[in-house]
Amino acid sequence: MYKNIKITLAFTMCLLVNPLYANKVTLGVFPYFNASYIATLHKPLKDYLANSTDTTIRLVSASDFKTFKERTSKARYDILITAPHLGRIAQKTADYEWLGFTGNISYAVFVSHIDNNINSIQDLKDKTIALPPKRAIIHYLALETLSKNNIDPTNDVKISLSKSHNNAMHSAILKNTDAAAFGAPTWNKYNLADKSKLKVLGKSESIPGFAIMVHSKTSEKLKKNLKEALFLFSKTKEGKIYFDKTGLKDVREVTQLDMELIDKYLKLMKNGNTNKSKNK
């Protein structure tokens, strides 16, 4: 029995010190689609980073926004691709560092079923609108856009909370709600069945694309190699295909203006809102 314990301990120590096991990191991707679709979309990036940095990388996501945010707060992901506001929170509270932003912009896309007599955002007064969860920055972009169109989000519309961006879109397709608003990547790249039954009513202000981050515990050498690889990826054949398929465009540096815009919406999210809503 003791001999077996010693063998087990020896094997465990081997795993801890063997470079083949020590150089593994986790790439966590924000669950803006379902897990299987995210795995398909982002596998080329994972493979490229792994090969470029000679690192074993595991690609993971989460079942919902809340779980992903909780895992991020516990530094469960070494590399992070997440919504811009969650990246800012991760920087402030979980010791993540910026590698860059994807070069695309995002915004809330407002849609309604083609059969509805709704043709603009102004027509949404007294209607029911499906939105992503309150943890999603797109939720607040949509609310601000309603306000700019003289619609009080608290009193003039009914907000129906969906579990995800694509669920919000599906709600409008099925006519479970009069309209929906969700992130641009969902509209541009997610080919949900019967998407052609929707018409675009308008969009919100733009925000930066996805935050790409690395945890501070990561070695300085790997941080440097990851950033260099990221900024070269769009110049490769595989990178061009990846950025076209995902709609993320390329990778760019983070600016102070990015931080100021994100902080504006984080303040709105911190203050919360009193909109009437129902969970779906």
Protein backbone atom coordinates (compact mmCIF):
# COMPACT_ATOMS: atom_id res chain seq x y z
CA MET A 1 0.00 0.00 0.00
CA TYR A 2 2.75 2.48 1.01
CA LYS A 3 4.67 1.56 -2.13
CA ASN A 4 1.64 2.50 -4.25
CA ILE A 5 1.31 5.83 -2.43
CA LYS A 6 4.98 6.61 -3.09
CA ILE A 7 4.56 5.80 -6.78
CA THR A 8 1.47 8.03 -6.97
CA LEU A 9 3.27 10.91 -5.25
CA ALA A 10 6.27 10.51 -7.50
CA PHE A 11 4.05 10.61 -10.59
CA THR A 12 2.24 13.72 -9.30
CA MET A 13 5.54 15.52 -8.74
CA CYS A 14 6.61 14.53 -12.24
CA LEU A 15 3.52 16.21 -13.64
CA LEU A 16 4.30 19.37 -11.68
CA VAL A 17 7.86 19.73 -12.89
CA ASN A 18 7.70 18.18 -16.35
CA PRO A 19 7.74 21.00 -18.95
CA LEU A 20 5.18 19.11 -21.02
CA TYR A 21 2.65 19.69 -18.21
CA ALA A 22 3.94 22.96 -16.77
CA ASN A 23 3.38 24.95 -19.98
CA LYS A 24 -0.41 24.56 -20.20
CA VAL A 25 -2.73 27.56 -20.18
CA THR A 26 -6.47 28.08 -20.53
CA LEU A 27 -8.05 30.40 -23.09
CA GLY A 28 -11.48 31.52 -21.90
CA VAL A 29 -13.90 32.97 -24.47
CA PHE A 30 -16.96 34.99 -23.45
CA PRO A 31 -20.15 32.93 -24.11
CA TYR A 32 -21.73 35.21 -26.71
CA PHE A 33 -22.75 32.08 -28.64
CA ASN A 34 -23.28 28.50 -27.49
CA ALA A 35 -20.17 26.58 -26.44
CA SER A 36 -19.89 24.34 -29.51
CA TYR A 37 -20.11 27.29 -31.90
CA ILE A 38 -17.52 29.23 -29.91
CA ALA A 39 -15.19 26.22 -30.04
CA THR A 40 -15.55 26.06 -33.83
CA LEU A 41 -15.04 29.81 -34.31
CA HIS A 42 -12.03 30.28 -32.06
CA LYS A 43 -10.11 27.03 -32.52
CA PRO A 44 -7.92 28.58 -35.28
CA LEU A 45 -6.79 31.33 -32.89
CA LYS A 46 -6.14 28.83 -30.12
CA ASP A 47 -4.08 26.61 -32.42
CA TYR A 48 -2.10 29.57 -33.78
CA LEU A 49 -1.26 30.93 -30.32
CA ALA A 50 -0.28 27.45 -29.13
CA ASN A 51 2.03 26.88 -32.07
CA SER A 52 3.51 30.40 -31.98
CA THR A 53 4.32 30.30 -28.27
CA ASP A 54 5.07 26.57 -27.94
CA THR A 55 2.36 26.35 -25.32
CA THR A 56 -0.43 23.85 -24.79
CA ILE A 57 -3.65 25.89 -24.76
CA ARG A 58 -7.09 24.64 -23.76
CA LEU A 59 -10.08 26.53 -25.21
CA VAL A 60 -13.06 26.86 -22.86
CA SER A 61 -16.14 29.01 -22.32
CA ALA A 62 -19.07 28.88 -19.89
CA SER A 63 -22.78 28.14 -19.99
CA ASP A 64 -23.80 31.74 -19.29
CA PHE A 65 -22.54 35.28 -18.61
CA LYS A 66 -22.74 34.93 -14.82
CA THR A 67 -20.64 31.77 -14.70
CA PHE A 68 -18.02 33.23 -17.04
CA LYS A 69 -17.75 36.40 -14.96
CA GLU A 70 -17.41 34.38 -11.74
CA ARG A 71 -14.68 32.19 -13.22
CA THR A 72 -12.88 35.27 -14.49
CA SER A 73 -12.98 36.81 -11.00
CA LYS A 74 -11.27 33.66 -9.70
CA ALA A 75 -8.61 33.84 -12.46
CA ARG A 76 -9.69 30.51 -13.92
CA TYR A 77 -8.60 31.69 -17.37
CA ASP A 78 -4.99 32.49 -18.21
CA ILE A 79 -5.89 34.18 -21.50
CA LEU A 80 -9.19 35.99 -21.79
CA ILE A 81 -11.36 37.02 -24.73
CA THR A 82 -14.29 38.85 -23.25
CA ALA A 83 -16.71 41.76 -23.55
CA PRO A 84 -14.95 45.15 -23.16
CA HIS A 85 -16.60 46.05 -19.86
CA LEU A 86 -15.83 42.64 -18.36
CA GLY A 87 -12.24 43.11 -19.45
CA ARG A 88 -12.10 46.41 -17.58
CA ILE A 89 -13.57 44.74 -14.48
CA ALA A 90 -11.06 41.89 -14.81
CA GLN A 91 -8.25 44.45 -14.96
CA LYS A 92 -9.44 46.24 -11.83
CA THR A 93 -10.46 43.29 -9.67
CA ALA A 94 -8.78 40.10 -10.90
CA ASP A 95 -5.24 41.17 -11.94
CA TYR A 96 -5.68 40.75 -15.69
CA GLU A 97 -3.55 42.79 -18.08
CA TRP A 98 -4.42 44.12 -21.53
CA LEU A 99 -3.05 42.51 -24.68
CA GLY A 100 -5.35 44.44 -27.02
CA PHE A 101 -8.82 44.83 -28.48
CA THR A 102 -10.21 43.10 -31.52
CA GLY A 103 -10.43 45.66 -34.33
CA ASN A 104 -14.18 45.45 -34.86
CA ILE A 105 -16.71 47.62 -33.11
CA SER A 106 -19.87 46.43 -31.43
CA TYR A 107 -23.25 47.98 -30.85
CA ALA A 108 -26.83 47.01 -30.09
CA VAL A 109 -28.80 46.00 -33.18
CA PHE A 110 -32.57 46.58 -32.91
CA VAL A 111 -34.78 44.22 -34.91
CA SER A 112 -38.43 43.27 -35.29
CA HIS A 113 -40.31 40.62 -37.24
CA ILE A 114 -41.01 41.61 -40.84
CA ASP A 115 -44.74 41.07 -40.24
CA ASN A 116 -44.85 43.68 -37.46
CA ASN A 117 -45.87 47.26 -38.16
CA ILE A 118 -42.67 48.47 -36.52
CA ASN A 119 -40.18 50.23 -38.75
CA SER A 120 -37.93 52.29 -36.47
CA ILE A 121 -36.72 52.52 -32.90
CA GLN A 122 -39.23 55.33 -32.33
CA ASP A 123 -42.01 52.81 -33.04
CA LEU A 124 -41.04 50.75 -29.99
CA LYS A 125 -42.99 52.81 -27.48
CA ASP A 126 -45.44 50.60 -25.53
CA LYS A 127 -43.83 47.48 -27.03
CA THR A 128 -42.02 44.51 -25.49
CA ILE A 129 -38.30 44.25 -26.26
CA ALA A 130 -36.03 41.25 -25.67
CA LEU A 131 -32.57 42.18 -24.38
CA PRO A 132 -29.51 40.19 -23.26
CA PRO A 133 -28.91 39.90 -19.49
CA LYS A 134 -28.09 42.99 -17.43
CA ARG A 135 -24.50 41.75 -17.19
CA ALA A 136 -24.14 42.45 -20.92
CA ILE A 137 -22.99 45.95 -21.85
CA ILE A 138 -25.24 45.74 -24.92
CA HIS A 139 -28.20 45.80 -22.54
CA TYR A 140 -27.23 49.32 -21.44
CA LEU A 141 -26.36 50.48 -24.93
CA ALA A 142 -29.90 49.50 -25.92
CA LEU A 143 -31.46 51.34 -22.96
CA GLU A 144 -29.49 54.49 -23.71
CA THR A 145 -30.54 54.32 -27.36
CA LEU A 146 -34.20 54.11 -26.36
CA SER A 147 -33.75 57.20 -24.19
CA LYS A 148 -32.13 59.09 -27.08
CA ASN A 149 -35.22 58.26 -29.13
CA ASN A 150 -37.53 59.80 -26.51
CA ILE A 151 -38.58 56.43 -25.09
CA ASP A 152 -38.33 56.05 -21.32
CA PRO A 153 -36.91 52.52 -20.76
CA THR A 154 -38.59 52.43 -17.36
CA ASN A 155 -42.13 53.38 -18.32
CA ASP A 156 -42.57 53.38 -22.09
CA VAL A 157 -41.51 49.81 -22.92
CA LYS A 158 -41.49 46.39 -21.32
CA ILE A 159 -38.07 44.71 -21.18
CA SER A 160 -37.94 40.92 -21.52
CA LEU A 161 -34.60 39.51 -20.34
CA SER A 162 -33.11 36.71 -22.43
CA LYS A 163 -30.26 34.43 -21.36
CA SER A 164 -28.04 35.37 -24.30
CA HIS A 165 -27.78 37.55 -27.40
CA ASN A 166 -28.92 34.79 -29.76
CA ASN A 167 -31.85 33.97 -27.47
CA ALA A 168 -32.96 37.60 -27.70
CA MET A 169 -32.82 37.39 -31.50
CA HIS A 170 -34.75 34.12 -31.44
CA SER A 171 -37.45 35.80 -29.33
CA ALA A 172 -38.10 38.31 -32.11
CA ILE A 173 -38.11 35.58 -34.77
CA LEU A 174 -40.76 33.63 -32.83
CA LYS A 175 -42.74 36.82 -32.11
CA ASN A 176 -42.47 36.16 -28.39
CA THR A 177 -41.61 39.85 -28.17
CA ASP A 178 -42.34 42.77 -30.46
CA ALA A 179 -38.65 43.46 -30.97
CA ALA A 180 -35.16 42.62 -29.72
CA ALA A 181 -31.77 44.24 -29.34
CA PHE A 182 -28.48 42.33 -29.15
CA GLY A 183 -24.81 42.59 -30.05
CA ALA A 184 -23.62 43.20 -33.61
CA PRO A 185 -21.51 39.97 -33.75
CA THR A 186 -24.69 37.97 -33.22
CA TRP A 187 -26.45 39.72 -36.07
CA ASN A 188 -23.49 39.68 -38.44
CA LYS A 189 -22.18 36.17 -37.93
CA TYR A 190 -24.76 33.92 -36.29
CA ASN A 191 -26.87 32.24 -38.99
CA LEU A 192 -29.87 31.36 -36.87
CA ALA A 193 -32.71 29.65 -38.72
CA ASP A 194 -35.36 32.11 -39.98
CA LYS A 195 -33.10 35.12 -39.38
CA SER A 196 -34.44 36.41 -42.72
CA LYS A 197 -37.77 37.01 -40.99
CA LEU A 198 -36.26 39.99 -39.14
CA LYS A 199 -35.81 43.60 -40.20
CA VAL A 200 -33.30 46.02 -38.69
CA LEU A 201 -34.79 49.07 -36.96
CA GLY A 202 -31.57 50.83 -36.01
CA LYS A 203 -28.51 50.58 -33.82
CA SER A 204 -26.85 52.10 -30.75
CA GLU A 205 -23.59 53.92 -30.14
CA SER A 206 -20.48 51.86 -30.89
CA ILE A 207 -18.08 50.38 -28.34
CA PRO A 208 -14.72 48.58 -28.74
CA GLY A 209 -14.62 44.96 -29.82
CA PHE A 210 -13.57 42.10 -27.55
CA ALA A 211 -10.97 42.63 -24.85
CA ILE A 212 -8.00 40.26 -25.13
CA MET A 213 -6.22 39.85 -21.81
CA VAL A 214 -3.70 37.76 -19.94
CA HIS A 215 -3.48 37.14 -16.21
CA SER A 216 -0.62 38.80 -14.33
CA LYS A 217 0.56 35.42 -12.99
CA THR A 218 1.58 34.47 -16.54
CA SER A 219 5.32 34.65 -17.19
CA GLU A 220 6.62 37.85 -18.78
CA LYS A 221 8.07 35.83 -21.64
CA LEU A 222 4.72 34.23 -22.47
CA LYS A 223 2.92 37.59 -22.20
CA LYS A 224 5.37 39.08 -24.69
CA ASN A 225 5.11 36.12 -27.05
CA LEU A 226 1.32 36.10 -26.91
CA LYS A 227 1.07 39.79 -27.77
CA GLU A 228 3.52 39.50 -30.63
CA ALA A 229 1.65 36.51 -32.02
CA LEU A 230 -1.74 38.20 -31.70
CA PHE A 231 -0.67 41.27 -33.65
CA LEU A 232 0.83 39.12 -36.42
CA PHE A 233 -2.12 36.75 -36.75
CA SER A 234 -4.19 38.95 -39.09
CA LYS A 235 -1.26 38.96 -41.55
CA THR A 236 -1.32 35.17 -41.92
CA LYS A 237 -3.58 33.19 -44.24
CA GLU A 238 -5.20 31.44 -41.29
CA GLY A 239 -5.66 34.75 -39.49
CA LYS A 240 -7.37 36.40 -42.45
CA ILE A 241 -9.86 33.51 -42.59
CA TYR A 242 -10.39 33.62 -38.81
CA PHE A 243 -11.02 37.37 -38.59
CA ASP A 244 -13.35 37.28 -41.59
CA LYS A 245 -15.35 34.36 -40.20
CA THR A 246 -15.65 35.80 -36.70
CA GLY A 247 -16.13 39.40 -37.81
CA LEU A 248 -13.49 40.52 -35.30
CA LYS A 249 -11.36 42.17 -38.03
CA ASP A 250 -7.87 42.21 -36.41
CA VAL A 251 -6.14 43.19 -33.13
CA ARG A 252 -5.30 46.75 -32.04
CA GLU A 253 -3.78 48.52 -29.07
CA VAL A 254 -5.88 49.73 -26.13
CA THR A 255 -6.30 53.52 -25.77
CA GLN A 256 -7.33 55.89 -22.99
CA LEU A 257 -10.46 56.80 -24.98
CA ASP A 258 -11.46 53.12 -24.88
CA MET A 259 -11.21 53.14 -21.10
CA GLU A 260 -13.24 56.33 -20.76
CA LEU A 261 -16.05 54.98 -22.95
CA ILE A 262 -16.16 51.66 -21.12
CA ASP A 263 -16.10 53.36 -17.72
CA LYS A 264 -19.12 55.42 -18.79
CA TYR A 265 -21.17 52.25 -19.24
CA LEU A 266 -19.74 50.58 -16.16
CA LYS A 267 -21.07 53.53 -14.18
CA LEU A 268 -24.52 52.99 -15.68
CA MET A 269 -24.32 49.30 -14.84
CA LYS A 270 -23.19 50.02 -11.28
CA ASN A 271 -26.06 52.41 -10.73
CA GLY A 272 -28.41 49.75 -12.04
CA ASN A 273 -31.81 50.45 -13.49
CA THR A 274 -35.39 50.02 -12.40
CA ASN A 275 -36.82 48.84 -15.69
CA LYS A 276 -39.79 46.55 -15.54
CA SER A 277 -38.55 43.18 -16.74
CA LYS A 278 -39.36 39.51 -16.82
CA ASN A 279 -37.01 36.55 -17.14
CA LYS A 280 -37.44 34.16 -20.00
